[in-house]
């Protein structure tokens, strides 16, 4: 996320942006709830529309 959004915005985005496929949680909430990091990254990847090379 830092590469895609920059260091300051990535942190804010992870804290504030709610992703439906993560159970309507933010990245921070999903990770704190114990969701698998690969699952969280895949959801972030889709939300940001990152290229396949960023997987």
C-alpha atoms as a PDB file:
ATOM      1  CA  UNK A   1       0.000   0.000   0.000  1.00  0.00           C
ATOM      2  CA  UNK A   2       2.855   2.349   0.736  1.00  0.00           C
ATOM      3  CA  UNK A   3       4.143   2.022  -2.830  1.00  0.00           C
ATOM      4  CA  UNK A   4       0.686   2.620  -4.310  1.00  0.00           C
ATOM      5  CA  UNK A   5      -0.496   5.386  -1.979  1.00  0.00           C
ATOM      6  CA  UNK A   6       2.589   6.871  -0.375  1.00  0.00           C
ATOM      7  CA  UNK A   7       3.582   6.447   3.269  1.00  0.00           C
ATOM      8  CA  UNK A   8       1.300   9.010   4.892  1.00  0.00           C
ATOM      9  CA  UNK A   9      -1.830   8.263   2.898  1.00  0.00           C
ATOM     10  CA  UNK A  10      -1.401   4.466   3.105  1.00  0.00           C
ATOM     11  CA  UNK A  11      -1.559   4.614   6.892  1.00  0.00           C
ATOM     12  CA  UNK A  12      -4.614   6.859   6.840  1.00  0.00           C
ATOM     13  CA  UNK A  13      -6.335   4.751   4.178  1.00  0.00           C
ATOM     14  CA  UNK A  14      -5.741   1.528   6.143  1.00  0.00           C
ATOM     15  CA  UNK A  15      -7.270   3.164   9.206  1.00  0.00           C
ATOM     16  CA  UNK A  16     -10.255   4.891   7.576  1.00  0.00           C
ATOM     17  CA  UNK A  17     -11.308   3.162   4.345  1.00  0.00           C
ATOM     18  CA  UNK A  18     -14.005   0.493   4.820  1.00  0.00           C
ATOM     19  CA  UNK A  19     -13.875  -2.490   2.461  1.00  0.00           C
ATOM     20  CA  UNK A  20     -17.084  -4.472   2.051  1.00  0.00           C
ATOM     21  CA  UNK A  21     -15.361  -7.745   1.215  1.00  0.00           C
ATOM     22  CA  UNK A  22     -13.562  -7.568   4.560  1.00  0.00           C
ATOM     23  CA  UNK A  23     -16.867  -7.640   6.415  1.00  0.00           C
ATOM     24  CA  UNK A  24     -17.241  -3.862   6.153  1.00  0.00           C
ATOM     25  CA  UNK A  25     -14.000  -3.364   8.049  1.00  0.00           C
ATOM     26  CA  UNK A  26     -10.981  -1.217   7.459  1.00  0.00           C
ATOM     27  CA  UNK A  27      -7.616  -2.869   6.808  1.00  0.00           C
ATOM     28  CA  UNK A  28      -6.575  -2.130  10.383  1.00  0.00           C
ATOM     29  CA  UNK A  29      -9.786  -3.633  11.782  1.00  0.00           C
ATOM     30  CA  UNK A  30      -9.538  -6.710   9.562  1.00  0.00           C
ATOM     31  CA  UNK A  31      -5.975  -7.417  10.635  1.00  0.00           C
ATOM     32  CA  UNK A  32      -6.823  -6.817  14.300  1.00  0.00           C
ATOM     33  CA  UNK A  33      -9.709  -9.280  13.957  1.00  0.00           C
ATOM     34  CA  UNK A  34      -7.254 -11.913  12.745  1.00  0.00           C
ATOM     35  CA  UNK A  35      -8.171 -12.073   9.070  1.00  0.00           C
ATOM     36  CA  UNK A  36      -5.510 -13.666   6.909  1.00  0.00           C
ATOM     37  CA  UNK A  37      -3.057 -11.063   5.591  1.00  0.00           C
ATOM     38  CA  UNK A  38      -3.218 -12.511   2.068  1.00  0.00           C
ATOM     39  CA  UNK A  39      -6.994 -12.150   2.075  1.00  0.00           C
ATOM     40  CA  UNK A  40      -6.700  -8.555   3.265  1.00  0.00           C
ATOM     41  CA  UNK A  41      -4.082  -7.739   0.625  1.00  0.00           C
ATOM     42  CA  UNK A  42      -6.245  -9.250  -2.135  1.00  0.00           C
ATOM     43  CA  UNK A  43      -9.144  -7.037  -1.033  1.00  0.00           C
ATOM     44  CA  UNK A  44      -6.897  -3.966  -0.983  1.00  0.00           C
ATOM     45  CA  UNK A  45      -5.504  -4.903  -4.390  1.00  0.00           C
ATOM     46  CA  UNK A  46      -9.023  -5.070  -5.859  1.00  0.00           C
ATOM     47  CA  UNK A  47     -10.181  -1.839  -4.191  1.00  0.00           C
ATOM     48  CA  UNK A  48      -7.203   0.123  -5.461  1.00  0.00           C
ATOM     49  CA  UNK A  49      -7.314  -1.438  -8.933  1.00  0.00           C
ATOM     50  CA  UNK A  50      -3.627  -2.303  -8.746  1.00  0.00           C
ATOM     51  CA  UNK A  51      -1.966  -4.147 -11.630  1.00  0.00           C
ATOM     52  CA  UNK A  52      -1.347  -7.903 -11.420  1.00  0.00           C
ATOM     53  CA  UNK A  53       2.361  -7.240 -10.881  1.00  0.00           C
ATOM     54  CA  UNK A  54       1.513  -5.680  -7.500  1.00  0.00           C
ATOM     55  CA  UNK A  55       0.180  -8.943  -6.104  1.00  0.00           C
END
